[in-house]
């Protein structure tokens, strides 16, 4: 007697397929004794998974968009002045800190309020955020990162962070360090 299929294959066929797809082995063309060859359509189709787009792909897809409103403009400017030239994940982590602050109840409740909050960002002078060069590649990336962050399309790698500083300084904070991304250290 020839056994055409291993028990592991039959178990995988029975238990890996969704309940609706589990059919009688005879109806699937396998035969009760395992002698028949399976019909090509009887085998479960391999799962097709589309990979999530990379952060670089997301930036490319959103880099020609304009800021949607005042808060996204403030966020994009903060990303530009705080982290241009950093890896994309570092720029996204900076944007996420600003969003986390606005949601925390410990800071201003809007993104512009967080960015303009006194003594938080060195590029802000008397509550004024300078305008970056509108056609620069770094500004387009900052706009894309702001959009990606506000729409929660990717993760910057500093979960729940509320604070960050440049690696070159040591503020002596007694906070929980959550990540180092590029030239910034992130804390909650």
C-alpha atoms as a PDB file:
ATOM      1  CA  UNK A   1       0.000   0.000   0.000  1.00  0.00           C
ATOM      2  CA  UNK A   2       1.422   3.374  -1.040  1.00  0.00           C
ATOM      3  CA  UNK A   3       0.881   6.304   1.322  1.00  0.00           C
ATOM      4  CA  UNK A   4       0.854   9.459  -0.748  1.00  0.00           C
ATOM      5  CA  UNK A   5       0.696  12.023   2.058  1.00  0.00           C
ATOM      6  CA  UNK A   6       2.305  12.321   5.427  1.00  0.00           C
ATOM      7  CA  UNK A   7       0.185  12.718   8.500  1.00  0.00           C
ATOM      8  CA  UNK A   8       1.788  16.115   9.085  1.00  0.00           C
ATOM      9  CA  UNK A   9       0.652  17.291   5.641  1.00  0.00           C
ATOM     10  CA  UNK A  10      -2.897  16.071   6.214  1.00  0.00           C
ATOM     11  CA  UNK A  11      -3.017  17.658   9.674  1.00  0.00           C
ATOM     12  CA  UNK A  12      -1.722  20.937   8.287  1.00  0.00           C
ATOM     13  CA  UNK A  13      -4.317  20.804   5.519  1.00  0.00           C
ATOM     14  CA  UNK A  14      -7.130  20.112   7.973  1.00  0.00           C
ATOM     15  CA  UNK A  15      -6.177  22.473  10.766  1.00  0.00           C
ATOM     16  CA  UNK A  16      -4.481  25.360   8.960  1.00  0.00           C
ATOM     17  CA  UNK A  17      -7.354  26.009   6.574  1.00  0.00           C
ATOM     18  CA  UNK A  18     -10.277  28.141   7.733  1.00  0.00           C
ATOM     19  CA  UNK A  19     -13.301  26.161   8.957  1.00  0.00           C
ATOM     20  CA  UNK A  20     -15.275  27.028   5.823  1.00  0.00           C
ATOM     21  CA  UNK A  21     -12.505  25.591   3.651  1.00  0.00           C
ATOM     22  CA  UNK A  22     -12.203  22.319   5.564  1.00  0.00           C
ATOM     23  CA  UNK A  23     -13.908  19.761   3.380  1.00  0.00           C
ATOM     24  CA  UNK A  24     -14.182  16.035   3.298  1.00  0.00           C
ATOM     25  CA  UNK A  25     -10.870  14.535   2.196  1.00  0.00           C
ATOM     26  CA  UNK A  26     -12.625  12.510  -0.477  1.00  0.00           C
ATOM     27  CA  UNK A  27     -14.307  15.645  -1.839  1.00  0.00           C
ATOM     28  CA  UNK A  28     -10.932  17.369  -1.897  1.00  0.00           C
ATOM     29  CA  UNK A  29      -9.586  14.631  -4.156  1.00  0.00           C
ATOM     30  CA  UNK A  30      -7.335  13.047  -1.532  1.00  0.00           C
ATOM     31  CA  UNK A  31      -9.217   9.783  -1.234  1.00  0.00           C
ATOM     32  CA  UNK A  32      -9.821   7.957   2.009  1.00  0.00           C
ATOM     33  CA  UNK A  33      -6.818   5.689   1.710  1.00  0.00           C
ATOM     34  CA  UNK A  34      -4.454   8.450   0.650  1.00  0.00           C
ATOM     35  CA  UNK A  35      -3.768   6.803  -2.717  1.00  0.00           C
ATOM     36  CA  UNK A  36      -5.213   9.460  -4.965  1.00  0.00           C
ATOM     37  CA  UNK A  37      -3.241  12.549  -5.895  1.00  0.00           C
ATOM     38  CA  UNK A  38      -4.791  15.813  -4.823  1.00  0.00           C
ATOM     39  CA  UNK A  39      -6.460  17.961  -7.408  1.00  0.00           C
ATOM     40  CA  UNK A  40      -4.475  21.187  -7.859  1.00  0.00           C
ATOM     41  CA  UNK A  41      -7.424  23.237  -6.605  1.00  0.00           C
ATOM     42  CA  UNK A  42      -7.709  21.134  -3.433  1.00  0.00           C
ATOM     43  CA  UNK A  43      -4.562  22.573  -1.892  1.00  0.00           C
ATOM     44  CA  UNK A  44      -5.037  25.754   0.109  1.00  0.00           C
ATOM     45  CA  UNK A  45      -3.815  28.851  -1.681  1.00  0.00           C
ATOM     46  CA  UNK A  46      -0.693  30.307  -0.124  1.00  0.00           C
ATOM     47  CA  UNK A  47      -1.367  33.421   1.916  1.00  0.00           C
ATOM     48  CA  UNK A  48      -0.409  36.583   0.156  1.00  0.00           C
ATOM     49  CA  UNK A  49       0.758  39.239   2.522  1.00  0.00           C
ATOM     50  CA  UNK A  50       1.659  42.650   1.371  1.00  0.00           C
ATOM     51  CA  UNK A  51       4.495  44.112   3.337  1.00  0.00           C
ATOM     52  CA  UNK A  52       3.775  47.342   5.155  1.00  0.00           C
ATOM     53  CA  UNK A  53       5.320  50.265   3.344  1.00  0.00           C
ATOM     54  CA  UNK A  54       8.645  51.404   4.726  1.00  0.00           C
ATOM     55  CA  UNK A  55       8.959  54.807   6.332  1.00  0.00           C
ATOM     56  CA  UNK A  56      10.937  55.967   3.302  1.00  0.00           C
ATOM     57  CA  UNK A  57       8.086  54.825   1.034  1.00  0.00           C
ATOM     58  CA  UNK A  58       5.556  56.681   3.192  1.00  0.00           C
ATOM     59  CA  UNK A  59       7.676  59.839   3.100  1.00  0.00           C
ATOM     60  CA  UNK A  60       7.954  59.589  -0.685  1.00  0.00           C
ATOM     61  CA  UNK A  61       4.189  59.162  -0.955  1.00  0.00           C
ATOM     62  CA  UNK A  62       3.473  62.182   1.281  1.00  0.00           C
ATOM     63  CA  UNK A  63       6.339  64.544   0.455  1.00  0.00           C
ATOM     64  CA  UNK A  64       4.389  66.541  -2.088  1.00  0.00           C
ATOM     65  CA  UNK A  65       1.492  67.245   0.240  1.00  0.00           C
ATOM     66  CA  UNK A  66       0.947  70.557   1.925  1.00  0.00           C
ATOM     67  CA  UNK A  67       0.249  70.932   5.617  1.00  0.00           C
ATOM     68  CA  UNK A  68      -3.438  70.424   6.320  1.00  0.00           C
ATOM     69  CA  UNK A  69      -3.981  72.966   9.067  1.00  0.00           C
ATOM     70  CA  UNK A  70      -2.212  75.180  11.599  1.00  0.00           C
ATOM     71  CA  UNK A  71      -1.333  72.304  13.938  1.00  0.00           C
ATOM     72  CA  UNK A  72       0.200  70.199  11.168  1.00  0.00           C
ATOM     73  CA  UNK A  73       2.146  73.286  10.044  1.00  0.00           C
ATOM     74  CA  UNK A  74       3.533  73.769  13.572  1.00  0.00           C
ATOM     75  CA  UNK A  75       4.406  70.080  13.796  1.00  0.00           C
ATOM     76  CA  UNK A  76       6.178  70.109  10.425  1.00  0.00           C
ATOM     77  CA  UNK A  77       8.161  73.204  11.413  1.00  0.00           C
ATOM     78  CA  UNK A  78       9.182  71.572  14.690  1.00  0.00           C
ATOM     79  CA  UNK A  79      10.307  68.432  12.849  1.00  0.00           C
ATOM     80  CA  UNK A  80      12.246  70.592  10.398  1.00  0.00           C
ATOM     81  CA  UNK A  81      14.066  72.667  13.030  1.00  0.00           C
ATOM     82  CA  UNK A  82      14.570  69.929  15.613  1.00  0.00           C
ATOM     83  CA  UNK A  83      15.518  66.975  13.468  1.00  0.00           C
ATOM     84  CA  UNK A  84      16.195  67.727   9.794  1.00  0.00           C
ATOM     85  CA  UNK A  85      19.166  65.694   8.692  1.00  0.00           C
ATOM     86  CA  UNK A  86      18.328  62.954  11.207  1.00  0.00           C
ATOM     87  CA  UNK A  87      17.234  59.479  10.078  1.00  0.00           C
ATOM     88  CA  UNK A  88      13.552  59.410   9.120  1.00  0.00           C
ATOM     89  CA  UNK A  89      12.748  57.354  12.215  1.00  0.00           C
ATOM     90  CA  UNK A  90      14.375  60.031  14.376  1.00  0.00           C
ATOM     91  CA  UNK A  91      12.320  62.739  12.719  1.00  0.00           C
ATOM     92  CA  UNK A  92       9.172  60.687  13.258  1.00  0.00           C
ATOM     93  CA  UNK A  93      10.083  60.106  16.915  1.00  0.00           C
ATOM     94  CA  UNK A  94      10.398  63.880  17.421  1.00  0.00           C
ATOM     95  CA  UNK A  95       6.964  64.393  15.859  1.00  0.00           C
ATOM     96  CA  UNK A  96       5.500  61.682  18.071  1.00  0.00           C
ATOM     97  CA  UNK A  97       6.864  63.358  21.217  1.00  0.00           C
ATOM     98  CA  UNK A  98       5.023  66.549  20.298  1.00  0.00           C
ATOM     99  CA  UNK A  99       1.809  64.616  19.640  1.00  0.00           C
ATOM    100  CA  UNK A 100       2.233  62.645  22.891  1.00  0.00           C
ATOM    101  CA  UNK A 101       2.661  65.897  24.795  1.00  0.00           C
ATOM    102  CA  UNK A 102      -0.532  67.377  23.350  1.00  0.00           C
ATOM    103  CA  UNK A 103      -2.446  64.244  24.391  1.00  0.00           C
ATOM    104  CA  UNK A 104      -0.858  63.915  27.835  1.00  0.00           C
ATOM    105  CA  UNK A 105      -2.666  66.674  29.712  1.00  0.00           C
ATOM    106  CA  UNK A 106       0.711  67.808  31.096  1.00  0.00           C
ATOM    107  CA  UNK A 107       1.442  70.248  28.272  1.00  0.00           C
ATOM    108  CA  UNK A 108      -0.599  72.459  25.982  1.00  0.00           C
ATOM    109  CA  UNK A 109      -3.488  70.609  24.325  1.00  0.00           C
ATOM    110  CA  UNK A 110      -2.671  71.587  20.732  1.00  0.00           C
ATOM    111  CA  UNK A 111       0.399  70.818  18.656  1.00  0.00           C
ATOM    112  CA  UNK A 112       1.065  74.533  18.126  1.00  0.00           C
ATOM    113  CA  UNK A 113       0.656  75.103  21.855  1.00  0.00           C
ATOM    114  CA  UNK A 114       3.202  72.389  22.621  1.00  0.00           C
ATOM    115  CA  UNK A 115       5.722  73.754  20.101  1.00  0.00           C
ATOM    116  CA  UNK A 116       5.278  77.341  21.277  1.00  0.00           C
ATOM    117  CA  UNK A 117       5.402  76.458  24.976  1.00  0.00           C
ATOM    118  CA  UNK A 118       8.028  78.559  26.670  1.00  0.00           C
ATOM    119  CA  UNK A 119      11.540  77.108  26.985  1.00  0.00           C
ATOM    120  CA  UNK A 120      10.738  73.869  25.162  1.00  0.00           C
ATOM    121  CA  UNK A 121      12.217  74.413  21.705  1.00  0.00           C
ATOM    122  CA  UNK A 122      15.209  76.658  21.078  1.00  0.00           C
ATOM    123  CA  UNK A 123      14.127  77.652  17.560  1.00  0.00           C
ATOM    124  CA  UNK A 124      10.933  79.305  18.898  1.00  0.00           C
ATOM    125  CA  UNK A 125      11.472  82.971  19.775  1.00  0.00           C
ATOM    126  CA  UNK A 126       8.727  84.886  21.602  1.00  0.00           C
ATOM    127  CA  UNK A 127       6.195  82.281  20.474  1.00  0.00           C
ATOM    128  CA  UNK A 128       7.126  82.635  16.809  1.00  0.00           C
ATOM    129  CA  UNK A 129       8.138  79.592  14.799  1.00  0.00           C
ATOM    130  CA  UNK A 130      10.299  80.593  11.805  1.00  0.00           C
ATOM    131  CA  UNK A 131       9.193  79.598   8.304  1.00  0.00           C
ATOM    132  CA  UNK A 132      11.482  77.013   6.675  1.00  0.00           C
ATOM    133  CA  UNK A 133      12.460  77.358   3.000  1.00  0.00           C
ATOM    134  CA  UNK A 134       9.251  76.235   1.263  1.00  0.00           C
ATOM    135  CA  UNK A 135      10.832  74.331  -1.616  1.00  0.00           C
ATOM    136  CA  UNK A 136      13.659  72.599   0.225  1.00  0.00           C
ATOM    137  CA  UNK A 137      13.798  68.812   0.317  1.00  0.00           C
ATOM    138  CA  UNK A 138      14.161  68.898   4.127  1.00  0.00           C
ATOM    139  CA  UNK A 139      10.909  70.891   4.421  1.00  0.00           C
ATOM    140  CA  UNK A 140       9.082  68.427   2.150  1.00  0.00           C
ATOM    141  CA  UNK A 141      10.304  65.568   4.344  1.00  0.00           C
ATOM    142  CA  UNK A 142       9.201  67.408   7.498  1.00  0.00           C
ATOM    143  CA  UNK A 143       5.719  67.932   6.036  1.00  0.00           C
ATOM    144  CA  UNK A 144       5.523  64.237   5.121  1.00  0.00           C
ATOM    145  CA  UNK A 145       6.730  63.169   8.584  1.00  0.00           C
ATOM    146  CA  UNK A 146       4.127  65.429  10.236  1.00  0.00           C
ATOM    147  CA  UNK A 147       1.404  63.843   8.127  1.00  0.00           C
ATOM    148  CA  UNK A 148       2.637  60.314   8.838  1.00  0.00           C
ATOM    149  CA  UNK A 149       2.777  61.048  12.573  1.00  0.00           C
ATOM    150  CA  UNK A 150      -0.665  62.659  12.813  1.00  0.00           C
ATOM    151  CA  UNK A 151      -2.222  59.826  10.821  1.00  0.00           C
ATOM    152  CA  UNK A 152      -0.263  57.227  12.858  1.00  0.00           C
ATOM    153  CA  UNK A 153       0.984  55.475   9.718  1.00  0.00           C
ATOM    154  CA  UNK A 154       4.330  54.349  11.160  1.00  0.00           C
ATOM    155  CA  UNK A 155       6.208  54.049  14.436  1.00  0.00           C
ATOM    156  CA  UNK A 156       9.171  56.278  15.227  1.00  0.00           C
ATOM    157  CA  UNK A 157      10.681  53.867  17.738  1.00  0.00           C
ATOM    158  CA  UNK A 158      10.281  55.914  20.937  1.00  0.00           C
ATOM    159  CA  UNK A 159       7.006  54.629  22.397  1.00  0.00           C
ATOM    160  CA  UNK A 160       5.162  56.992  24.757  1.00  0.00           C
ATOM    161  CA  UNK A 161       8.109  59.420  24.881  1.00  0.00           C
ATOM    162  CA  UNK A 162       7.364  62.918  26.194  1.00  0.00           C
ATOM    163  CA  UNK A 163      10.900  64.329  26.286  1.00  0.00           C
ATOM    164  CA  UNK A 164      14.047  64.223  24.209  1.00  0.00           C
ATOM    165  CA  UNK A 165      17.421  65.898  23.985  1.00  0.00           C
ATOM    166  CA  UNK A 166      20.407  65.811  21.685  1.00  0.00           C
ATOM    167  CA  UNK A 167      22.999  63.128  22.479  1.00  0.00           C
ATOM    168  CA  UNK A 168      25.705  65.738  22.927  1.00  0.00           C
ATOM    169  CA  UNK A 169      24.108  67.114  26.117  1.00  0.00           C
ATOM    170  CA  UNK A 170      23.415  65.464  29.443  1.00  0.00           C
ATOM    171  CA  UNK A 171      20.553  67.165  31.261  1.00  0.00           C
ATOM    172  CA  UNK A 172      20.693  64.751  34.217  1.00  0.00           C
ATOM    173  CA  UNK A 173      16.983  63.957  33.952  1.00  0.00           C
ATOM    174  CA  UNK A 174      15.588  61.285  36.255  1.00  0.00           C
ATOM    175  CA  UNK A 175      13.244  59.949  33.626  1.00  0.00           C
ATOM    176  CA  UNK A 176      12.809  56.549  32.010  1.00  0.00           C
ATOM    177  CA  UNK A 177      14.869  56.359  28.837  1.00  0.00           C
ATOM    178  CA  UNK A 178      12.872  54.673  26.083  1.00  0.00           C
ATOM    179  CA  UNK A 179      15.076  55.008  23.006  1.00  0.00           C
ATOM    180  CA  UNK A 180      18.004  56.582  21.257  1.00  0.00           C
ATOM    181  CA  UNK A 181      17.254  57.358  17.627  1.00  0.00           C
ATOM    182  CA  UNK A 182      19.792  59.186  15.523  1.00  0.00           C
ATOM    183  CA  UNK A 183      21.223  62.038  17.576  1.00  0.00           C
ATOM    184  CA  UNK A 184      18.349  62.227  20.072  1.00  0.00           C
ATOM    185  CA  UNK A 185      17.651  60.417  23.337  1.00  0.00           C
ATOM    186  CA  UNK A 186      13.980  59.910  24.224  1.00  0.00           C
ATOM    187  CA  UNK A 187      12.340  59.608  27.654  1.00  0.00           C
ATOM    188  CA  UNK A 188       8.912  59.254  29.215  1.00  0.00           C
END
